[in-house]
Amino acid sequence: MAADQLSMIFAALADPTRRAILARLASGDATVNELAEPFDISLPAISRHLKVLEAAGLISRSRSAQWRSSRLEAGPLQEATQWMETYRRFWDSSFDRLDTHLKKIQSQETEDDPNG
């Protein structure tokens, strides 16, 4: 995945309204009006959010007669998750090493304590 595409995905996910829209689309396709219902913002504002999500590849939009619906596209989310997975493994490994070190220190303190 190109770094620019990854940047677009993370920029799109940075906004709570867009994350809420994606969460809604996870349960099925929806029209702009349906997506706008829970928000106190205008339809043009929702449309701008949808354009950002579409540019990032996170949704696709289709037109059926007079209705235009949006659909979640999970592929880019999986690619972003794979990118983050490397860092999760790094932190897990770091925390495991820290845990081992703390247990070693605690064990040494217990051995050195004449009252323990």
PDB file of N, CA and C in Angstrom:
ATOM      1  N   MET A   1       0.852  -1.174   0.000  1.00  0.00           N
ATOM      2  CA  MET A   1       0.000   0.000   0.000  1.00  0.00           C
ATOM      3  C   MET A   1       0.894   1.232   0.000  1.00  0.00           C
ATOM      4  N   ALA A   2       0.579   2.181  -0.827  1.00  0.00           N
ATOM      5  CA  ALA A   2       1.346   3.414  -0.885  1.00  0.00           C
ATOM      6  C   ALA A   2       1.186   4.180   0.412  1.00  0.00           C
ATOM      7  N   ALA A   3       2.283   4.826   0.838  1.00  0.00           N
ATOM      8  CA  ALA A   3       2.247   5.596   2.080  1.00  0.00           C
ATOM      9  C   ALA A   3       1.186   6.682   2.005  1.00  0.00           C
ATOM     10  N   ASP A   4       0.994   7.293   0.828  1.00  0.00           N
ATOM     11  CA  ASP A   4      -0.009   8.343   0.698  1.00  0.00           C
ATOM     12  C   ASP A   4      -1.408   7.787   0.951  1.00  0.00           C
ATOM     13  N   GLN A   5      -1.693   6.609   0.469  1.00  0.00           N
ATOM     14  CA  GLN A   5      -2.997   5.986   0.707  1.00  0.00           C
ATOM     15  C   GLN A   5      -3.175   5.693   2.189  1.00  0.00           C
ATOM     16  N   LEU A   6      -2.131   5.199   2.825  1.00  0.00           N
ATOM     17  CA  LEU A   6      -2.189   4.926   4.250  1.00  0.00           C
ATOM     18  C   LEU A   6      -2.435   6.224   5.019  1.00  0.00           C
ATOM     19  N   SER A   7      -1.806   7.303   4.613  1.00  0.00           N
ATOM     20  CA  SER A   7      -2.027   8.601   5.251  1.00  0.00           C
ATOM     21  C   SER A   7      -3.476   9.045   5.084  1.00  0.00           C
ATOM     22  N   MET A   8      -4.039   8.809   3.923  1.00  0.00           N
ATOM     23  CA  MET A   8      -5.438   9.175   3.685  1.00  0.00           C
ATOM     24  C   MET A   8      -6.372   8.356   4.580  1.00  0.00           C
ATOM     25  N   ILE A   9      -6.053   7.078   4.756  1.00  0.00           N
ATOM     26  CA  ILE A   9      -6.876   6.220   5.609  1.00  0.00           C
ATOM     27  C   ILE A   9      -6.848   6.728   7.046  1.00  0.00           C
ATOM     28  N   PHE A  10      -5.637   6.969   7.568  1.00  0.00           N
ATOM     29  CA  PHE A  10      -5.539   7.436   8.946  1.00  0.00           C
ATOM     30  C   PHE A  10      -6.146   8.827   9.122  1.00  0.00           C
ATOM     31  N   ALA A  11      -6.007   9.690   8.132  1.00  0.00           N
ATOM     32  CA  ALA A  11      -6.628  11.017   8.209  1.00  0.00           C
ATOM     33  C   ALA A  11      -8.153  10.884   8.245  1.00  0.00           C
ATOM     34  N   ALA A  12      -8.685   9.977   7.446  1.00  0.00           N
ATOM     35  CA  ALA A  12     -10.138   9.759   7.442  1.00  0.00           C
ATOM     36  C   ALA A  12     -10.596   9.210   8.783  1.00  0.00           C
ATOM     37  N   LEU A  13      -9.831   8.308   9.362  1.00  0.00           N
ATOM     38  CA  LEU A  13     -10.199   7.700  10.636  1.00  0.00           C
ATOM     39  C   LEU A  13     -10.005   8.643  11.826  1.00  0.00           C
ATOM     40  N   ALA A  14      -9.290   9.734  11.618  1.00  0.00           N
ATOM     41  CA  ALA A  14      -9.020  10.669  12.713  1.00  0.00           C
ATOM     42  C   ALA A  14     -10.266  11.415  13.164  1.00  0.00           C
ATOM     43  N   ASP A  15     -11.284  11.459  12.328  1.00  0.00           N
ATOM     44  CA  ASP A  15     -12.493  12.218  12.651  1.00  0.00           C
ATOM     45  C   ASP A  15     -13.552  11.307  13.272  1.00  0.00           C
ATOM     46  N   PRO A  16     -14.098  11.686  14.438  1.00  0.00           N
ATOM     47  CA  PRO A  16     -15.090  10.820  15.101  1.00  0.00           C
ATOM     48  C   PRO A  16     -16.382  10.649  14.300  1.00  0.00           C
ATOM     49  N   THR A  17     -16.773  11.661  13.545  1.00  0.00           N
ATOM     50  CA  THR A  17     -17.984  11.528  12.721  1.00  0.00           C
ATOM     51  C   THR A  17     -17.762  10.472  11.642  1.00  0.00           C
ATOM     52  N   ARG A  18     -16.604  10.497  11.019  1.00  0.00           N
ATOM     53  CA  ARG A  18     -16.316   9.506   9.979  1.00  0.00           C
ATOM     54  C   ARG A  18     -16.216   8.105  10.567  1.00  0.00           C
ATOM     55  N   ARG A  19     -15.639   7.984  11.772  1.00  0.00           N
ATOM     56  CA  ARG A  19     -15.590   6.659  12.406  1.00  0.00           C
ATOM     57  C   ARG A  19     -17.000   6.163  12.715  1.00  0.00           C
ATOM     58  N   ALA A  20     -17.868   7.066  13.140  1.00  0.00           N
ATOM     59  CA  ALA A  20     -19.257   6.683  13.422  1.00  0.00           C
ATOM     60  C   ALA A  20     -19.976   6.261  12.145  1.00  0.00           C
ATOM     61  N   ILE A  21     -19.689   6.946  11.057  1.00  0.00           N
ATOM     62  CA  ILE A  21     -20.285   6.570   9.765  1.00  0.00           C
ATOM     63  C   ILE A  21     -19.821   5.171   9.372  1.00  0.00           C
ATOM     64  N   LEU A  22     -18.532   4.893   9.531  1.00  0.00           N
ATOM     65  CA  LEU A  22     -18.023   3.551   9.207  1.00  0.00           C
ATOM     66  C   LEU A  22     -18.663   2.500  10.096  1.00  0.00           C
ATOM     67  N   ALA A  23     -18.834   2.817  11.372  1.00  0.00           N
ATOM     68  CA  ALA A  23     -19.476   1.864  12.285  1.00  0.00           C
ATOM     69  C   ALA A  23     -20.902   1.586  11.831  1.00  0.00           C
ATOM     70  N   ARG A  24     -21.600   2.601  11.402  1.00  0.00           N
ATOM     71  CA  ARG A  24     -22.976   2.407  10.904  1.00  0.00           C
ATOM     72  C   ARG A  24     -22.973   1.548   9.653  1.00  0.00           C
ATOM     73  N   LEU A  25     -22.036   1.822   8.740  1.00  0.00           N
ATOM     74  CA  LEU A  25     -21.978   1.066   7.485  1.00  0.00           C
ATOM     75  C   LEU A  25     -21.561  -0.390   7.704  1.00  0.00           C
ATOM     76  N   ALA A  26     -20.944  -0.682   8.838  1.00  0.00           N
ATOM     77  CA  ALA A  26     -20.580  -2.071   9.143  1.00  0.00           C
ATOM     78  C   ALA A  26     -21.835  -2.933   9.285  1.00  0.00           C
ATOM     79  N   SER A  27     -22.969  -2.301   9.580  1.00  0.00           N
ATOM     80  CA  SER A  27     -24.207  -3.078   9.705  1.00  0.00           C
ATOM     81  C   SER A  27     -25.015  -3.100   8.410  1.00  0.00           C
ATOM     82  N   GLY A  28     -24.519  -2.442   7.365  1.00  0.00           N
ATOM     83  CA  GLY A  28     -25.198  -2.486   6.078  1.00  0.00           C
ATOM     84  C   GLY A  28     -25.142  -1.167   5.341  1.00  0.00           C
ATOM     85  N   ASP A  29     -25.435  -1.220   4.055  1.00  0.00           N
ATOM     86  CA  ASP A  29     -25.436  -0.031   3.215  1.00  0.00           C
ATOM     87  C   ASP A  29     -26.445   0.985   3.741  1.00  0.00           C
ATOM     88  N   ALA A  30     -26.180   2.263   3.439  1.00  0.00           N
ATOM     89  CA  ALA A  30     -27.074   3.318   3.911  1.00  0.00           C
ATOM     90  C   ALA A  30     -27.020   4.503   2.964  1.00  0.00           C
ATOM     91  N   THR A  31     -28.110   5.248   2.920  1.00  0.00           N
ATOM     92  CA  THR A  31     -28.164   6.478   2.128  1.00  0.00           C
ATOM     93  C   THR A  31     -27.588   7.621   2.956  1.00  0.00           C
ATOM     94  N   VAL A  32     -27.367   8.740   2.292  1.00  0.00           N
ATOM     95  CA  VAL A  32     -26.855   9.927   2.982  1.00  0.00           C
ATOM     96  C   VAL A  32     -27.808  10.331   4.097  1.00  0.00           C
ATOM     97  N   ASN A  33     -29.105  10.325   3.815  1.00  0.00           N
ATOM     98  CA  ASN A  33     -30.088  10.696   4.846  1.00  0.00           C
ATOM     99  C   ASN A  33     -30.020   9.762   6.043  1.00  0.00           C
ATOM    100  N   GLU A  34     -29.882   8.470   5.797  1.00  0.00           N
ATOM    101  CA  GLU A  34     -29.789   7.509   6.898  1.00  0.00           C
ATOM    102  C   GLU A  34     -28.519   7.728   7.710  1.00  0.00           C
ATOM    103  N   LEU A  35     -27.434   8.031   7.015  1.00  0.00           N
ATOM    104  CA  LEU A  35     -26.174   8.258   7.715  1.00  0.00           C
ATOM    105  C   LEU A  35     -26.196   9.561   8.511  1.00  0.00           C
ATOM    106  N   ALA A  36     -26.957  10.540   8.032  1.00  0.00           N
ATOM    107  CA  ALA A  36     -27.010  11.853   8.689  1.00  0.00           C
ATOM    108  C   ALA A  36     -27.883  11.865   9.935  1.00  0.00           C
ATOM    109  N   GLU A  37     -28.805  10.896  10.050  1.00  0.00           N
ATOM    110  CA  GLU A  37     -29.787  10.905  11.139  1.00  0.00           C
ATOM    111  C   GLU A  37     -29.212  11.154  12.528  1.00  0.00           C
ATOM    112  N   PRO A  38     -28.175  10.447  12.955  1.00  0.00           N
ATOM    113  CA  PRO A  38     -27.732  10.633  14.341  1.00  0.00           C
ATOM    114  C   PRO A  38     -26.898  11.898  14.590  1.00  0.00           C
ATOM    115  N   PHE A  39     -26.603  12.645  13.541  1.00  0.00           N
ATOM    116  CA  PHE A  39     -25.711  13.790  13.686  1.00  0.00           C
ATOM    117  C   PHE A  39     -26.464  15.109  13.585  1.00  0.00           C
ATOM    118  N   ASP A  40     -25.988  16.093  14.293  1.00  0.00           N
ATOM    119  CA  ASP A  40     -26.558  17.429  14.251  1.00  0.00           C
ATOM    120  C   ASP A  40     -25.737  18.292  13.288  1.00  0.00           C
ATOM    121  N   ILE A  41     -25.551  17.769  12.069  1.00  0.00           N
ATOM    122  CA  ILE A  41     -24.836  18.519  11.036  1.00  0.00           C
ATOM    123  C   ILE A  41     -25.623  18.405   9.730  1.00  0.00           C
ATOM    124  N   SER A  42     -25.303  19.272   8.804  1.00  0.00           N
ATOM    125  CA  SER A  42     -26.059  19.354   7.553  1.00  0.00           C
ATOM    126  C   SER A  42     -25.753  18.166   6.628  1.00  0.00           C
ATOM    127  N   LEU A  43     -26.657  17.935   5.684  1.00  0.00           N
ATOM    128  CA  LEU A  43     -26.420  16.903   4.668  1.00  0.00           C
ATOM    129  C   LEU A  43     -25.169  17.189   3.847  1.00  0.00           C
ATOM    130  N   PRO A  44     -24.922  18.467   3.450  1.00  0.00           N
ATOM    131  CA  PRO A  44     -23.667  18.730   2.733  1.00  0.00           C
ATOM    132  C   PRO A  44     -22.429  18.376   3.563  1.00  0.00           C
ATOM    133  N   ALA A  45     -22.497  18.575   4.883  1.00  0.00           N
ATOM    134  CA  ALA A  45     -21.358  18.208   5.735  1.00  0.00           C
ATOM    135  C   ALA A  45     -21.171  16.692   5.746  1.00  0.00           C
ATOM    136  N   ILE A  46     -22.262  15.947   5.831  1.00  0.00           N
ATOM    137  CA  ILE A  46     -22.181  14.482   5.769  1.00  0.00           C
ATOM    138  C   ILE A  46     -21.602  14.065   4.424  1.00  0.00           C
ATOM    139  N   SER A  47     -22.040  14.718   3.355  1.00  0.00           N
ATOM    140  CA  SER A  47     -21.518  14.399   2.018  1.00  0.00           C
ATOM    141  C   SER A  47     -20.020  14.643   1.942  1.00  0.00           C
ATOM    142  N   ARG A  48     -19.545  15.696   2.577  1.00  0.00           N
ATOM    143  CA  ARG A  48     -18.091  15.959   2.585  1.00  0.00           C
ATOM    144  C   ARG A  48     -17.356  14.842   3.335  1.00  0.00           C
ATOM    145  N   HIS A  49     -17.926  14.402   4.452  1.00  0.00           N
ATOM    146  CA  HIS A  49     -17.316  13.280   5.182  1.00  0.00           C
ATOM    147  C   HIS A  49     -17.278  12.033   4.303  1.00  0.00           C
ATOM    148  N   LEU A  50     -18.349  11.789   3.580  1.00  0.00           N
ATOM    149  CA  LEU A  50     -18.403  10.619   2.702  1.00  0.00           C
ATOM    150  C   LEU A  50     -17.357  10.710   1.593  1.00  0.00           C
ATOM    151  N   LYS A  51     -17.135  11.907   1.079  1.00  0.00           N
ATOM    152  CA  LYS A  51     -16.108  12.084   0.033  1.00  0.00           C
ATOM    153  C   LYS A  51     -14.725  11.756   0.570  1.00  0.00           C
ATOM    154  N   VAL A  52     -14.443  12.150   1.813  1.00  0.00           N
ATOM    155  CA  VAL A  52     -13.149  11.837   2.425  1.00  0.00           C
ATOM    156  C   VAL A  52     -13.004  10.323   2.586  1.00  0.00           C
ATOM    157  N   LEU A  53     -14.059   9.687   3.084  1.00  0.00           N
ATOM    158  CA  LEU A  53     -14.025   8.231   3.251  1.00  0.00           C
ATOM    159  C   LEU A  53     -13.877   7.511   1.919  1.00  0.00           C
ATOM    160  N   GLU A  54     -14.546   8.019   0.900  1.00  0.00           N
ATOM    161  CA  GLU A  54     -14.454   7.410  -0.428  1.00  0.00           C
ATOM    162  C   GLU A  54     -13.059   7.595  -1.011  1.00  0.00           C
ATOM    163  N   ALA A  55     -12.478   8.777  -0.852  1.00  0.00           N
ATOM    164  CA  ALA A  55     -11.126   9.033  -1.368  1.00  0.00           C
ATOM    165  C   ALA A  55     -10.096   8.135  -0.692  1.00  0.00           C
ATOM    166  N   ALA A  56     -10.347   7.800   0.567  1.00  0.00           N
ATOM    167  CA  ALA A  56      -9.445   6.910   1.301  1.00  0.00           C
ATOM    168  C   ALA A  56      -9.699   5.443   0.966  1.00  0.00           C
ATOM    169  N   GLY A  57     -10.739   5.177   0.195  1.00  0.00           N
ATOM    170  CA  GLY A  57     -11.063   3.806  -0.190  1.00  0.00           C
ATOM    171  C   GLY A  57     -11.835   3.040   0.873  1.00  0.00           C
ATOM    172  N   LEU A  58     -12.292   3.744   1.911  1.00  0.00           N
ATOM    173  CA  LEU A  58     -12.982   3.085   3.016  1.00  0.00           C
ATOM    174  C   LEU A  58     -14.448   2.816   2.731  1.00  0.00           C
ATOM    175  N   ILE A  59     -15.017   3.536   1.775  1.00  0.00           N
ATOM    176  CA  ILE A  59     -16.396   3.281   1.356  1.00  0.00           C
ATOM    177  C   ILE A  59     -16.469   3.350  -0.157  1.00  0.00           C
ATOM    178  N   SER A  60     -17.513   2.759  -0.697  1.00  0.00           N
ATOM    179  CA  SER A  60     -17.844   2.942  -2.110  1.00  0.00           C
ATOM    180  C   SER A  60     -19.267   3.469  -2.149  1.00  0.00           C
ATOM    181  N   ARG A  61     -19.574   4.193  -3.193  1.00  0.00           N
ATOM    182  CA  ARG A  61     -20.911   4.779  -3.314  1.00  0.00           C
ATOM    183  C   ARG A  61     -21.508   4.331  -4.637  1.00  0.00           C
ATOM    184  N   SER A  62     -22.800   4.032  -4.611  1.00  0.00           N
ATOM    185  CA  SER A  62     -23.487   3.610  -5.827  1.00  0.00           C
ATOM    186  C   SER A  62     -24.815   4.343  -5.925  1.00  0.00           C
ATOM    187  N   ARG A  63     -25.306   4.417  -7.140  1.00  0.00           N
ATOM    188  CA  ARG A  63     -26.583   5.083  -7.364  1.00  0.00           C
ATOM    189  C   ARG A  63     -27.557   4.044  -7.909  1.00  0.00           C
ATOM    190  N   SER A  64     -28.716   3.991  -7.291  1.00  0.00           N
ATOM    191  CA  SER A  64     -29.778   3.110  -7.724  1.00  0.00           C
ATOM    192  C   SER A  64     -31.040   3.952  -7.825  1.00  0.00           C
ATOM    193  N   ALA A  65     -31.468   4.214  -9.035  1.00  0.00           N
ATOM    194  CA  ALA A  65     -32.601   5.109  -9.282  1.00  0.00           C
ATOM    195  C   ALA A  65     -32.284   6.465  -8.666  1.00  0.00           C
ATOM    196  N   GLN A  66     -33.088   6.911  -7.733  1.00  0.00           N
ATOM    197  CA  GLN A  66     -32.846   8.230  -7.139  1.00  0.00           C
ATOM    198  C   GLN A  66     -32.042   8.155  -5.842  1.00  0.00           C
ATOM    199  N   TRP A  67     -31.742   6.953  -5.380  1.00  0.00           N
ATOM    200  CA  TRP A  67     -31.027   6.781  -4.126  1.00  0.00           C
ATOM    201  C   TRP A  67     -29.540   6.560  -4.369  1.00  0.00           C
ATOM    202  N   ARG A  68     -28.746   7.179  -3.551  1.00  0.00           N
ATOM    203  CA  ARG A  68     -27.307   6.966  -3.598  1.00  0.00           C
ATOM    204  C   ARG A  68     -26.894   6.370  -2.264  1.00  0.00           C
ATOM    205  N   SER A  69     -26.431   5.140  -2.293  1.00  0.00           N
ATOM    206  CA  SER A  69     -26.072   4.485  -1.038  1.00  0.00           C
ATOM    207  C   SER A  69     -24.561   4.354  -0.914  1.00  0.00           C
ATOM    208  N   SER A  70     -24.132   4.193   0.313  1.00  0.00           N
ATOM    209  CA  SER A  70     -22.716   4.009   0.628  1.00  0.00           C
ATOM    210  C   SER A  70     -22.534   2.632   1.215  1.00  0.00           C
ATOM    211  N   ARG A  71     -21.368   2.061   0.963  1.00  0.00           N
ATOM    212  CA  ARG A  71     -21.046   0.708   1.421  1.00  0.00           C
ATOM    213  C   ARG A  71     -19.641   0.717   2.008  1.00  0.00           C
ATOM    214  N   LEU A  72     -19.468   0.029   3.119  1.00  0.00           N
ATOM    215  CA  LEU A  72     -18.165  -0.112   3.753  1.00  0.00           C
ATOM    216  C   LEU A  72     -17.256  -0.959   2.872  1.00  0.00           C
ATOM    217  N   GLU A  73     -16.034  -0.523   2.716  1.00  0.00           N
ATOM    218  CA  GLU A  73     -14.998  -1.291   2.013  1.00  0.00           C
ATOM    219  C   GLU A  73     -13.917  -1.600   3.042  1.00  0.00           C
ATOM    220  N   ALA A  74     -13.879  -2.820   3.512  1.00  0.00           N
ATOM    221  CA  ALA A  74     -13.024  -3.179   4.642  1.00  0.00           C
ATOM    222  C   ALA A  74     -11.560  -3.396   4.265  1.00  0.00           C
ATOM    223  N   GLY A  75     -11.262  -3.558   3.000  1.00  0.00           N
ATOM    224  CA  GLY A  75      -9.886  -3.831   2.580  1.00  0.00           C
ATOM    225  C   GLY A  75      -8.868  -2.837   3.116  1.00  0.00           C
ATOM    226  N   PRO A  76      -9.103  -1.536   2.933  1.00  0.00           N
ATOM    227  CA  PRO A  76      -8.129  -0.566   3.453  1.00  0.00           C
ATOM    228  C   PRO A  76      -7.981  -0.624   4.977  1.00  0.00           C
ATOM    229  N   LEU A  77      -9.043  -0.961   5.689  1.00  0.00           N
ATOM    230  CA  LEU A  77      -8.938  -1.101   7.145  1.00  0.00           C
ATOM    231  C   LEU A  77      -8.008  -2.261   7.490  1.00  0.00           C
ATOM    232  N   GLN A  78      -8.112  -3.330   6.721  1.00  0.00           N
ATOM    233  CA  GLN A  78      -7.235  -4.477   6.955  1.00  0.00           C
ATOM    234  C   GLN A  78      -5.783  -4.099   6.677  1.00  0.00           C
ATOM    235  N   GLU A  79      -5.546  -3.331   5.623  1.00  0.00           N
ATOM    236  CA  GLU A  79      -4.185  -2.910   5.304  1.00  0.00           C
ATOM    237  C   GLU A  79      -3.621  -2.005   6.392  1.00  0.00           C
ATOM    238  N   ALA A  80      -4.439  -1.106   6.925  1.00  0.00           N
ATOM    239  CA  ALA A  80      -3.993  -0.236   8.019  1.00  0.00           C
ATOM    240  C   ALA A  80      -3.707  -1.072   9.268  1.00  0.00           C
ATOM    241  N   THR A  81      -4.543  -2.063   9.519  1.00  0.00           N
ATOM    242  CA  THR A  81      -4.344  -2.943  10.672  1.00  0.00           C
ATOM    243  C   THR A  81      -3.040  -3.716  10.528  1.00  0.00           C
ATOM    244  N   GLN A  82      -2.749  -4.194   9.337  1.00  0.00           N
ATOM    245  CA  GLN A  82      -1.498  -4.921   9.109  1.00  0.00           C
ATOM    246  C   GLN A  82      -0.301  -4.014   9.350  1.00  0.00           C
ATOM    247  N   TRP A  83      -0.407  -2.758   8.943  1.00  0.00           N
ATOM    248  CA  TRP A  83       0.681  -1.800   9.176  1.00  0.00           C
ATOM    249  C   TRP A  83       0.883  -1.610  10.682  1.00  0.00           C
ATOM    250  N   MET A  84      -0.216  -1.485  11.433  1.00  0.00           N
ATOM    251  CA  MET A  84      -0.125  -1.281  12.883  1.00  0.00           C
ATOM    252  C   MET A  84       0.325  -2.537  13.611  1.00  0.00           C
ATOM    253  N   GLU A  85       0.067  -3.697  13.041  1.00  0.00           N
ATOM    254  CA  GLU A  85       0.405  -4.966  13.680  1.00  0.00           C
ATOM    255  C   GLU A  85       1.896  -5.055  14.006  1.00  0.00           C
ATOM    256  N   THR A  86       2.745  -4.543  13.143  1.00  0.00           N
ATOM    257  CA  THR A  86       4.185  -4.548  13.393  1.00  0.00           C
ATOM    258  C   THR A  86       4.491  -3.839  14.699  1.00  0.00           C
ATOM    259  N   TYR A  87       3.855  -2.730  14.921  1.00  0.00           N
ATOM    260  CA  TYR A  87       4.106  -1.943  16.126  1.00  0.00           C
ATOM    261  C   TYR A  87       3.460  -2.587  17.350  1.00  0.00           C
ATOM    262  N   ARG A  88       2.339  -3.254  17.172  1.00  0.00           N
ATOM    263  CA  ARG A  88       1.727  -3.974  18.288  1.00  0.00           C
ATOM    264  C   ARG A  88       2.664  -5.080  18.752  1.00  0.00           C
ATOM    265  N   ARG A  89       3.258  -5.801  17.808  1.00  0.00           N
ATOM    266  CA  ARG A  89       4.199  -6.865  18.173  1.00  0.00           C
ATOM    267  C   ARG A  89       5.405  -6.280  18.898  1.00  0.00           C
ATOM    268  N   PHE A  90       5.875  -5.121  18.446  1.00  0.00           N
ATOM    269  CA  PHE A  90       7.002  -4.458  19.103  1.00  0.00           C
ATOM    270  C   PHE A  90       6.651  -4.132  20.557  1.00  0.00           C
ATOM    271  N   TRP A  91       5.471  -3.522  20.770  1.00  0.00           N
ATOM    272  CA  TRP A  91       5.087  -3.139  22.126  1.00  0.00           C
ATOM    273  C   TRP A  91       4.811  -4.367  22.984  1.00  0.00           C
ATOM    274  N   ASP A  92       4.183  -5.383  22.438  1.00  0.00           N
ATOM    275  CA  ASP A  92       3.955  -6.613  23.201  1.00  0.00           C
ATOM    276  C   ASP A  92       5.279  -7.200  23.666  1.00  0.00           C
ATOM    277  N   SER A  93       6.252  -7.230  22.763  1.00  0.00           N
ATOM    278  CA  SER A  93       7.566  -7.761  23.099  1.00  0.00           C
ATOM    279  C   SER A  93       8.234  -6.901  24.169  1.00  0.00           C
ATOM    280  N   SER A  94       8.118  -5.592  24.031  1.00  0.00           N
ATOM    281  CA  SER A  94       8.707  -4.685  25.023  1.00  0.00           C
ATOM    282  C   SER A  94       8.065  -4.883  26.389  1.00  0.00           C
ATOM    283  N   PHE A  95       6.754  -5.002  26.425  1.00  0.00           N
ATOM    284  CA  PHE A  95       6.061  -5.204  27.696  1.00  0.00           C
ATOM    285  C   PHE A  95       6.399  -6.564  28.302  1.00  0.00           C
ATOM    286  N   ASP A  96       6.569  -7.582  27.464  1.00  0.00           N
ATOM    287  CA  ASP A  96       6.956  -8.893  27.964  1.00  0.00           C
ATOM    288  C   ASP A  96       8.339  -8.832  28.608  1.00  0.00           C
ATOM    289  N   ARG A  97       9.266  -8.121  27.960  1.00  0.00           N
ATOM    290  CA  ARG A  97      10.612  -7.976  28.529  1.00  0.00           C
ATOM    291  C   ARG A  97      10.562  -7.193  29.837  1.00  0.00           C
ATOM    292  N   LEU A  98       9.743  -6.140  29.884  1.00  0.00           N
ATOM    293  CA  LEU A  98       9.595  -5.354  31.110  1.00  0.00           C
ATOM    294  C   LEU A  98       9.009  -6.207  32.228  1.00  0.00           C
ATOM    295  N   ASP A  99       8.004  -7.008  31.907  1.00  0.00           N
ATOM    296  CA  ASP A  99       7.385  -7.876  32.896  1.00  0.00           C
ATOM    297  C   ASP A  99       8.410  -8.873  33.455  1.00  0.00           C
ATOM    298  N   THR A 100       9.193  -9.468  32.574  1.00  0.00           N
ATOM    299  CA  THR A 100      10.229 -10.408  33.007  1.00  0.00           C
ATOM    300  C   THR A 100      11.226  -9.709  33.919  1.00  0.00           C
ATOM    301  N   HIS A 101      11.636  -8.526  33.553  1.00  0.00           N
ATOM    302  CA  HIS A 101      12.604  -7.761  34.351  1.00  0.00           C
ATOM    303  C   HIS A 101      12.024  -7.417  35.725  1.00  0.00           C
ATOM    304  N   LEU A 102      10.766  -6.972  35.760  1.00  0.00           N
ATOM    305  CA  LEU A 102      10.141  -6.612  37.040  1.00  0.00           C
ATOM    306  C   LEU A 102       9.985  -7.832  37.943  1.00  0.00           C
ATOM    307  N   LYS A 103       9.644  -8.971  37.370  1.00  0.00           N
ATOM    308  CA  LYS A 103       9.539 -10.201  38.168  1.00  0.00           C
ATOM    309  C   LYS A 103      10.898 -10.597  38.734  1.00  0.00           C
ATOM    310  N   LYS A 104      11.943 -10.402  37.941  1.00  0.00           N
ATOM    311  CA  LYS A 104      13.297 -10.720  38.399  1.00  0.00           C
ATOM    312  C   LYS A 104      13.684  -9.817  39.569  1.00  0.00           C
ATOM    313  N   ILE A 105      13.391  -8.533  39.445  1.00  0.00           N
ATOM    314  CA  ILE A 105      13.695  -7.587  40.523  1.00  0.00           C
ATOM    315  C   ILE A 105      12.901  -7.941  41.776  1.00  0.00           C
ATOM    316  N   GLN A 106      11.629  -8.224  41.595  1.00  0.00           N
ATOM    317  CA  GLN A 106      10.770  -8.579  42.726  1.00  0.00           C
ATOM    318  C   GLN A 106      11.277  -9.848  43.413  1.00  0.00           C
ATOM    319  N   SER A 107      11.704 -10.801  42.635  1.00  0.00           N
ATOM    320  CA  SER A 107      12.232 -12.049  43.185  1.00  0.00           C
ATOM    321  C   SER A 107      13.512 -11.784  43.973  1.00  0.00           C
ATOM    322  N   GLN A 108      14.382 -10.941  43.456  1.00  0.00           N
ATOM    323  CA  GLN A 108      15.624 -10.601  44.137  1.00  0.00           C
ATOM    324  C   GLN A 108      15.343  -9.868  45.444  1.00  0.00           C
ATOM    325  N   GLU A 109      14.352  -8.969  45.428  1.00  0.00           N
ATOM    326  CA  GLU A 109      14.008  -8.226  46.643  1.00  0.00           C
ATOM    327  C   GLU A 109      13.465  -9.169  47.709  1.00  0.00           C
ATOM    328  N   THR A 110      12.701 -10.156  47.299  1.00  0.00           N
ATOM    329  CA  THR A 110      12.134 -11.135  48.232  1.00  0.00           C
ATOM    330  C   THR A 110      13.270 -11.968  48.846  1.00  0.00           C
ATOM    331  N   GLU A 111      14.232 -12.362  48.030  1.00  0.00           N
ATOM    332  CA  GLU A 111      15.366 -13.147  48.506  1.00  0.00           C
ATOM    333  C   GLU A 111      16.235 -12.342  49.452  1.00  0.00           C
ATOM    334  N   ASP A 112      16.389 -11.040  49.179  1.00  0.00           N
ATOM    335  CA  ASP A 112      17.251 -10.177  49.980  1.00  0.00           C
ATOM    336  C   ASP A 112      16.589  -9.696  51.263  1.00  0.00           C
ATOM    337  N   ASP A 113      15.279  -9.822  51.374  1.00  0.00           N
ATOM    338  CA  ASP A 113      14.545  -9.332  52.534  1.00  0.00           C
ATOM    339  C   ASP A 113      14.663 -10.348  53.676  1.00  0.00           C
ATOM    340  N   PRO A 114      15.327  -9.979  54.774  1.00  0.00           N
ATOM    341  CA  PRO A 114      15.486 -10.936  55.884  1.00  0.00           C
ATOM    342  C   PRO A 114      14.149 -11.221  56.579  1.00  0.00           C
ATOM    343  N   ASN A 115      13.163 -10.344  56.415  1.00  0.00           N
ATOM    344  CA  ASN A 115      11.864 -10.567  57.053  1.00  0.00           C
ATOM    345  C   ASN A 115      10.910 -11.342  56.159  1.00  0.00           C
ATOM    346  N   GLY A 116      11.296 -11.574  54.888  1.00  0.00           N
ATOM    347  CA  GLY A 116      10.374 -12.191  53.951  1.00  0.00           C
ATOM    348  C   GLY A 116      10.501 -13.614  53.913  1.00  0.00           C
TER     349      GLY A 116
END
